[in-house]
Amino acid sequence: MAVVLIEEVLCGMDEARGLLEQAILTLAEVVEEMAPAVGPKLQDVCARTLLSPLEACLAEFETLMDEMAT
């Protein structure tokens, strides 16, 4: 029973990681494709306040997944 529960948790975490990766890709595309008229400052703000924290979260999430897998 415990093995099945752990397996389900790992599957759910893997799904969450995939969603987080998709969010990062989508946001990176949005930031990259912002119109120059909007200005590079807004691109920088979006990258620093939205994209960078998501990337850091993914790195921590992957570390946690690696620890759980061992």
N, C-alpha and C. Protein backbone atom coordinates (compact mmCIF):
# COMPACT_ATOMS: atom_id res chain seq x y z
N MET A 1 0.82 -1.20 0.00
CA MET A 1 0.00 0.00 0.00
C MET A 1 0.86 1.26 0.00
N ALA A 2 1.90 1.27 0.84
CA ALA A 2 2.78 2.44 0.91
C ALA A 2 3.51 2.66 -0.41
N VAL A 3 3.89 1.57 -1.06
CA VAL A 3 4.59 1.68 -2.34
C VAL A 3 3.68 2.31 -3.39
N VAL A 4 2.43 1.91 -3.39
CA VAL A 4 1.47 2.48 -4.34
C VAL A 4 1.27 3.96 -4.06
N LEU A 5 1.18 4.33 -2.81
CA LEU A 5 1.00 5.73 -2.45
C LEU A 5 2.21 6.57 -2.88
N ILE A 6 3.41 6.06 -2.61
CA ILE A 6 4.62 6.78 -3.02
C ILE A 6 4.67 6.91 -4.53
N GLU A 7 4.29 5.86 -5.23
CA GLU A 7 4.28 5.89 -6.69
C GLU A 7 3.30 6.95 -7.21
N GLU A 8 2.15 7.05 -6.59
CA GLU A 8 1.16 8.05 -6.99
C GLU A 8 1.67 9.47 -6.71
N VAL A 9 2.33 9.66 -5.59
CA VAL A 9 2.89 10.97 -5.26
C VAL A 9 3.95 11.35 -6.29
N LEU A 10 4.81 10.41 -6.62
CA LEU A 10 5.86 10.70 -7.62
C LEU A 10 5.26 11.01 -8.98
N CYS A 11 4.21 10.30 -9.36
CA CYS A 11 3.54 10.59 -10.64
C CYS A 11 2.92 11.99 -10.63
N GLY A 12 2.30 12.34 -9.52
CA GLY A 12 1.72 13.67 -9.39
C GLY A 12 2.77 14.76 -9.43
N MET A 13 3.90 14.50 -8.78
CA MET A 13 4.99 15.48 -8.79
C MET A 13 5.59 15.60 -10.18
N ASP A 14 5.68 14.50 -10.90
CA ASP A 14 6.19 14.55 -12.26
C ASP A 14 5.27 15.36 -13.15
N GLU A 15 3.98 15.20 -12.96
CA GLU A 15 3.01 16.00 -13.72
C GLU A 15 3.14 17.48 -13.37
N ALA A 16 3.31 17.78 -12.10
CA ALA A 16 3.48 19.17 -11.67
C ALA A 16 4.74 19.77 -12.27
N ARG A 17 5.81 18.98 -12.33
CA ARG A 17 7.06 19.47 -12.93
C ARG A 17 6.84 19.79 -14.40
N GLY A 18 6.11 18.93 -15.10
CA GLY A 18 5.82 19.19 -16.51
C GLY A 18 5.03 20.46 -16.72
N LEU A 19 4.07 20.70 -15.85
CA LEU A 19 3.27 21.94 -15.93
C LEU A 19 4.12 23.16 -15.64
N LEU A 20 5.01 23.05 -14.68
CA LEU A 20 5.91 24.15 -14.35
C LEU A 20 6.86 24.44 -15.51
N GLU A 21 7.38 23.39 -16.13
CA GLU A 21 8.24 23.57 -17.30
C GLU A 21 7.48 24.25 -18.44
N GLN A 22 6.22 23.86 -18.64
CA GLN A 22 5.41 24.48 -19.69
C GLN A 22 5.15 25.95 -19.39
N ALA A 23 4.89 26.27 -18.14
CA ALA A 23 4.68 27.67 -17.75
C ALA A 23 5.93 28.50 -18.03
N ILE A 24 7.10 27.93 -17.72
CA ILE A 24 8.36 28.65 -17.95
C ILE A 24 8.56 28.87 -19.44
N LEU A 25 8.32 27.85 -20.25
CA LEU A 25 8.49 28.00 -21.70
C LEU A 25 7.54 29.06 -22.27
N THR A 26 6.30 29.01 -21.83
CA THR A 26 5.31 29.98 -22.31
C THR A 26 5.69 31.40 -21.91
N LEU A 27 6.06 31.58 -20.65
CA LEU A 27 6.45 32.91 -20.18
C LEU A 27 7.71 33.40 -20.88
N ALA A 28 8.66 32.51 -21.10
CA ALA A 28 9.89 32.90 -21.80
C ALA A 28 9.57 33.38 -23.21
N GLU A 29 8.65 32.71 -23.89
CA GLU A 29 8.25 33.13 -25.23
C GLU A 29 7.57 34.49 -25.20
N VAL A 30 6.70 34.69 -24.22
CA VAL A 30 6.00 35.98 -24.11
C VAL A 30 6.99 37.10 -23.87
N VAL A 31 7.93 36.89 -22.95
CA VAL A 31 8.93 37.91 -22.64
C VAL A 31 9.79 38.19 -23.86
N GLU A 32 10.19 37.12 -24.55
CA GLU A 32 11.06 37.28 -25.72
C GLU A 32 10.36 38.00 -26.86
N GLU A 33 9.05 37.76 -27.02
CA GLU A 33 8.32 38.33 -28.16
C GLU A 33 7.63 39.66 -27.86
N MET A 34 7.88 40.21 -26.69
CA MET A 34 7.26 41.51 -26.38
C MET A 34 7.66 42.54 -27.43
N ALA A 35 6.72 43.34 -27.82
CA ALA A 35 6.97 44.36 -28.83
C ALA A 35 8.03 45.34 -28.34
N PRO A 36 8.94 45.73 -29.21
CA PRO A 36 9.95 46.71 -28.82
C PRO A 36 9.35 48.02 -28.33
N ALA A 37 8.15 48.33 -28.80
CA ALA A 37 7.49 49.56 -28.37
C ALA A 37 7.17 49.52 -26.88
N VAL A 38 6.96 48.33 -26.35
CA VAL A 38 6.66 48.18 -24.93
C VAL A 38 7.89 48.56 -24.12
N GLY A 39 9.03 48.27 -24.69
CA GLY A 39 10.28 48.68 -24.07
C GLY A 39 11.02 47.53 -23.42
N PRO A 40 12.32 47.61 -23.49
CA PRO A 40 13.15 46.56 -22.89
C PRO A 40 13.06 46.53 -21.37
N LYS A 41 12.68 47.67 -20.77
CA LYS A 41 12.58 47.69 -19.31
C LYS A 41 11.48 46.73 -18.83
N LEU A 42 10.35 46.71 -19.52
CA LEU A 42 9.27 45.80 -19.14
C LEU A 42 9.70 44.35 -19.34
N GLN A 43 10.43 44.09 -20.41
CA GLN A 43 10.97 42.74 -20.63
C GLN A 43 11.84 42.33 -19.45
N ASP A 44 12.71 43.22 -19.03
CA ASP A 44 13.62 42.94 -17.92
C ASP A 44 12.85 42.70 -16.63
N VAL A 45 11.84 43.53 -16.37
CA VAL A 45 11.04 43.38 -15.16
C VAL A 45 10.30 42.04 -15.16
N CYS A 46 9.72 41.69 -16.29
CA CYS A 46 9.01 40.40 -16.38
C CYS A 46 9.97 39.23 -16.20
N ALA A 47 11.13 39.33 -16.80
CA ALA A 47 12.11 38.25 -16.66
C ALA A 47 12.57 38.10 -15.22
N ARG A 48 12.83 39.22 -14.55
CA ARG A 48 13.32 39.17 -13.17
C ARG A 48 12.24 38.78 -12.17
N THR A 49 11.05 39.30 -12.33
CA THR A 49 10.01 39.08 -11.32
C THR A 49 9.14 37.86 -11.57
N LEU A 50 9.08 37.39 -12.80
CA LEU A 50 8.23 36.24 -13.12
C LEU A 50 9.03 35.02 -13.56
N LEU A 51 9.87 35.21 -14.55
CA LEU A 51 10.57 34.08 -15.14
C LEU A 51 11.65 33.52 -14.22
N SER A 52 12.49 34.36 -13.68
CA SER A 52 13.58 33.89 -12.81
C SER A 52 13.07 33.14 -11.59
N PRO A 53 12.05 33.64 -10.88
CA PRO A 53 11.54 32.87 -9.74
C PRO A 53 10.97 31.50 -10.14
N LEU A 54 10.31 31.43 -11.29
CA LEU A 54 9.78 30.14 -11.74
C LEU A 54 10.92 29.16 -12.06
N GLU A 55 11.98 29.67 -12.67
CA GLU A 55 13.12 28.82 -12.97
C GLU A 55 13.79 28.33 -11.69
N ALA A 56 13.89 29.19 -10.68
CA ALA A 56 14.46 28.79 -9.40
C ALA A 56 13.58 27.74 -8.73
N CYS A 57 12.28 27.93 -8.82
CA CYS A 57 11.33 26.98 -8.26
C CYS A 57 11.48 25.62 -8.94
N LEU A 58 11.64 25.60 -10.24
CA LEU A 58 11.83 24.35 -10.97
C LEU A 58 13.11 23.65 -10.53
N ALA A 59 14.18 24.40 -10.35
CA ALA A 59 15.44 23.81 -9.91
C ALA A 59 15.28 23.16 -8.53
N GLU A 60 14.61 23.84 -7.62
CA GLU A 60 14.37 23.28 -6.28
C GLU A 60 13.46 22.05 -6.36
N PHE A 61 12.47 22.13 -7.21
CA PHE A 61 11.52 21.02 -7.39
C PHE A 61 12.26 19.79 -7.91
N GLU A 62 13.15 19.99 -8.89
CA GLU A 62 13.90 18.87 -9.44
C GLU A 62 14.85 18.27 -8.40
N THR A 63 15.44 19.11 -7.55
CA THR A 63 16.29 18.61 -6.47
C THR A 63 15.47 17.74 -5.52
N LEU A 64 14.29 18.20 -5.19
CA LEU A 64 13.40 17.44 -4.31
C LEU A 64 13.02 16.11 -4.94
N MET A 65 12.70 16.13 -6.23
CA MET A 65 12.34 14.90 -6.93
C MET A 65 13.52 13.92 -6.94
N ASP A 66 14.72 14.43 -7.16
CA ASP A 66 15.90 13.57 -7.16
C ASP A 66 16.12 12.93 -5.78
N GLU A 67 15.92 13.72 -4.73
CA GLU A 67 16.09 13.20 -3.37
C GLU A 67 15.05 12.14 -3.06
N MET A 68 13.84 12.34 -3.53
CA MET A 68 12.77 11.38 -3.26
C MET A 68 12.98 10.08 -4.03
N ALA A 69 13.62 10.18 -5.19
CA ALA A 69 13.82 9.01 -6.04
C ALA A 69 14.93 8.10 -5.51
N THR A 70 15.78 8.64 -4.65
CA THR A 70 16.88 7.80 -4.14
C THR A 70 16.53 7.15 -2.83
